[in-house]
Structure formats: C-alpha cells, structure tokens
Amino acid sequence: MAVWMGVDLGDARVGIAVSDPEGSMAYPLRDITVYGDSFQALDECIEIIDDHHVNHVVVGYPLLLNGEEGKSARKDRRWAQQLRIRLARRGISSVSVQLQDERLTTVTAHQQLEEAGYRERKHRPMVDQQSAVIILQTALDRFAHQEGR
C-alpha cells in the first residue's frame, strides 16, 4: 500500500510520525531539533521520506479556533510548499504533501501522554512526536473513511 508521514512543526522541535505500510496506524518516529527555525528540518524530512519510502506527507496546519489562517498556519503552509519544491528538485514527484487541520492537537497530545502516566516534565520532549501521530492518524482515518475501508 502506502507509507504516510505526519509532521508537527514547532519552534524547538519538529515531530515526525510514520504509518505502517498498510496506511492504517500512525507511530511516533523522532523529533528533529530546529532551534527556532522549522525550515532547518526540510532536508532531514526528505531523508526520512526516502528512507521510509513515504508516499504521502501530512503537515499540521494550525488554523485559529475560528477556522481562519493565522501567522503559524501561514508559516506551516510555506513550509509545506518548500517541501514540495525541494522534493521536485530531487526528482521525487510521486510524494503528495497536504495540510491537516491541527487545532488543539498539542492539548490532546499532552492529555494522552499524561493519561499514559508521563508527568508533564517528562512528556514535554515527546509532545511533538505525539502531536505528529495525532495529525497523521486523523488523516489516515479520514482517508480510510473516504475510501470506504
């Protein structure tokens, strides 16, 4: 089938999740440290896409609660566009890159990690990966529903 990758862009870290080959379950993969500039993660993301044979990339799109695009959402849209451009420059045109509404994803990630028994201080470094899992799983579930699976 197809491997999917979820991306949660943050100021300190970019969380990465991947799916199983069937495209049904999302798993945390790793964080990429970006020191305040998520665009630094583009090349590492392309390496992950290549190493894991990713077909679809889902980038978190933090719309405002009213559904409008704010500063963070504009930045994430530009990041996704840069990923498309860099993939094309490397001759990788078969990978789709889409945006996924991620309102309240970080809050949900914190709650899930807390429910799993991690104290906030300990789950802080894991929250970006967990957010990427939520972003990706949401996209996988939506795709499966559209396909009638």
Protein backbone atom coordinates (compact mmCIF):
# COMPACT_ATOMS: atom_id res chain seq x y z
CA MET A 1 0.00 0.00 0.00
CA ALA A 2 1.44 3.36 1.02
CA VAL A 3 3.51 4.75 3.88
CA TRP A 4 2.40 8.11 5.22
CA MET A 5 4.39 10.62 7.29
CA GLY A 6 2.98 13.16 9.74
CA VAL A 7 4.81 16.38 10.59
CA ASP A 8 4.20 18.67 13.56
CA LEU A 9 6.16 21.89 13.12
CA GLY A 10 7.35 23.52 16.31
CA ASP A 11 9.76 26.28 17.21
CA ALA A 12 12.16 24.00 19.10
CA ARG A 13 11.39 20.60 17.56
CA VAL A 14 9.64 19.11 14.54
CA GLY A 15 7.79 15.93 15.48
CA ILE A 16 7.73 13.12 12.93
CA ALA A 17 5.37 10.14 12.77
CA VAL A 18 5.04 7.43 10.12
CA SER A 19 2.37 4.91 9.28
CA ASP A 20 2.55 1.18 8.83
CA PRO A 21 2.79 0.05 5.16
CA GLU A 22 -0.98 -0.51 5.06
CA GLY A 23 -1.58 3.14 5.96
CA SER A 24 -3.79 2.33 8.93
CA MET A 25 -1.78 3.13 12.10
CA ALA A 26 0.47 6.08 12.95
CA TYR A 27 3.59 5.63 15.07
CA PRO A 28 5.99 8.21 16.54
CA LEU A 29 9.35 8.17 14.75
CA ARG A 30 11.51 11.00 16.07
CA ASP A 31 11.99 14.70 16.69
CA ILE A 32 14.21 16.98 14.66
CA THR A 33 15.74 19.82 16.71
CA VAL A 34 15.37 23.09 14.80
CA TYR A 35 16.49 25.86 17.19
CA GLY A 36 13.66 28.25 16.32
CA ASP A 37 13.57 27.66 12.55
CA SER A 38 11.46 24.73 11.39
CA PHE A 39 12.73 25.23 7.82
CA GLN A 40 16.01 23.65 9.04
CA ALA A 41 14.17 20.31 9.16
CA LEU A 42 13.33 20.16 5.44
CA ASP A 43 16.39 18.17 4.35
CA GLU A 44 16.06 15.67 7.23
CA CYS A 45 12.38 15.21 6.35
CA ILE A 46 13.34 14.43 2.76
CA GLU A 47 15.83 11.84 4.04
CA ILE A 48 13.07 10.25 6.14
CA ILE A 49 10.74 10.28 3.13
CA ASP A 50 13.41 8.49 1.10
CA ASP A 51 14.47 6.04 3.85
CA HIS A 52 10.91 5.01 4.75
CA HIS A 53 9.55 5.05 1.16
CA VAL A 54 6.90 7.62 2.11
CA ASN A 55 4.13 8.29 -0.43
CA HIS A 56 2.09 10.90 1.45
CA VAL A 57 3.17 13.67 3.82
CA VAL A 58 0.67 15.34 6.14
CA VAL A 59 1.79 18.63 7.68
CA GLY A 60 -0.03 20.06 10.67
CA TYR A 61 -1.91 23.25 9.81
CA PRO A 62 -2.68 25.22 12.98
CA LEU A 63 -5.73 27.21 11.99
CA LEU A 64 -7.17 29.63 14.50
CA LEU A 65 -10.15 28.40 16.51
CA ASN A 66 -12.45 30.38 14.19
CA GLY A 67 -11.04 28.47 11.20
CA GLU A 68 -9.01 31.35 9.78
CA GLU A 69 -5.34 31.20 8.88
CA GLY A 70 -3.07 32.96 11.37
CA LYS A 71 0.67 33.57 11.41
CA SER A 72 1.59 29.99 12.38
CA ALA A 73 -0.68 28.47 9.74
CA ARG A 74 0.83 30.71 7.04
CA LYS A 75 4.32 29.61 8.10
CA ASP A 76 3.32 25.94 8.01
CA ARG A 77 1.74 26.39 4.56
CA ARG A 78 5.03 27.96 3.32
CA TRP A 79 6.96 25.06 4.88
CA ALA A 80 4.79 22.51 3.06
CA GLN A 81 5.31 24.41 -0.21
CA GLN A 82 9.08 24.40 0.32
CA LEU A 83 8.96 20.65 0.93
CA ARG A 84 7.10 20.19 -2.39
CA ILE A 85 9.70 22.36 -4.18
CA ARG A 86 12.68 20.51 -2.68
CA LEU A 87 11.14 17.12 -3.45
CA ALA A 88 10.60 18.20 -7.06
CA ARG A 89 14.21 19.43 -7.33
CA ARG A 90 15.36 15.96 -6.25
CA GLY A 91 13.09 14.33 -8.82
CA ILE A 92 10.69 12.99 -6.21
CA SER A 93 7.34 13.93 -7.71
CA SER A 94 5.32 10.92 -6.56
CA VAL A 95 5.03 12.13 -2.94
CA SER A 96 1.91 14.14 -2.12
CA VAL A 97 2.15 16.86 0.54
CA GLN A 98 -1.05 18.03 2.20
CA LEU A 99 -2.05 20.19 5.13
CA GLN A 100 -4.11 18.78 8.02
CA ASP A 101 -6.06 21.00 10.41
CA GLU A 102 -4.42 20.51 13.79
CA ARG A 103 -6.41 22.76 16.10
CA LEU A 104 -5.95 21.61 19.73
CA THR A 105 -3.60 18.77 18.71
CA THR A 106 -0.93 19.79 21.23
CA VAL A 107 -3.51 19.89 24.02
CA THR A 108 -4.70 16.39 23.06
CA ALA A 109 -1.11 15.13 22.89
CA HIS A 110 -0.39 16.42 26.40
CA GLN A 111 -3.57 14.75 27.68
CA GLN A 112 -2.72 11.42 26.05
CA LEU A 113 0.80 11.40 27.46
CA GLU A 114 -0.47 12.33 30.91
CA GLU A 115 -3.06 9.53 30.74
CA ALA A 116 -0.25 7.15 29.77
CA GLY A 117 1.46 8.01 33.08
CA TYR A 118 4.05 10.55 31.96
CA ARG A 119 4.46 13.61 34.14
CA GLU A 120 4.47 16.88 32.20
CA ARG A 121 8.19 17.44 32.72
CA LYS A 122 8.94 14.00 31.28
CA HIS A 123 6.49 14.16 28.37
CA ARG A 124 7.49 17.64 27.20
CA PRO A 125 10.10 16.25 24.76
CA MET A 126 7.60 13.66 23.47
CA VAL A 127 4.72 16.01 22.78
CA ASP A 128 5.82 16.98 19.25
CA GLN A 129 6.04 13.33 18.18
CA GLN A 130 2.67 12.59 19.77
CA SER A 131 1.17 15.61 18.00
CA ALA A 132 2.58 14.28 14.71
CA VAL A 133 0.92 10.92 15.48
CA ILE A 134 -2.44 12.63 16.06
CA ILE A 135 -2.13 14.70 12.87
CA LEU A 136 -1.22 11.61 10.86
CA GLN A 137 -3.82 9.31 12.41
CA THR A 138 -6.54 11.90 11.72
CA ALA A 139 -5.51 12.00 8.05
CA LEU A 140 -5.31 8.19 7.81
CA ASP A 141 -8.77 7.79 9.36
CA ARG A 142 -10.25 10.42 7.04
CA PHE A 143 -8.68 8.73 4.01
CA ALA A 144 -9.94 5.29 5.09
CA HIS A 145 -13.43 6.71 5.57
CA GLN A 146 -13.38 8.30 2.12
CA GLU A 147 -12.19 5.02 0.60
CA GLY A 148 -14.92 3.10 2.43
CA ARG A 149 -12.49 0.97 4.47
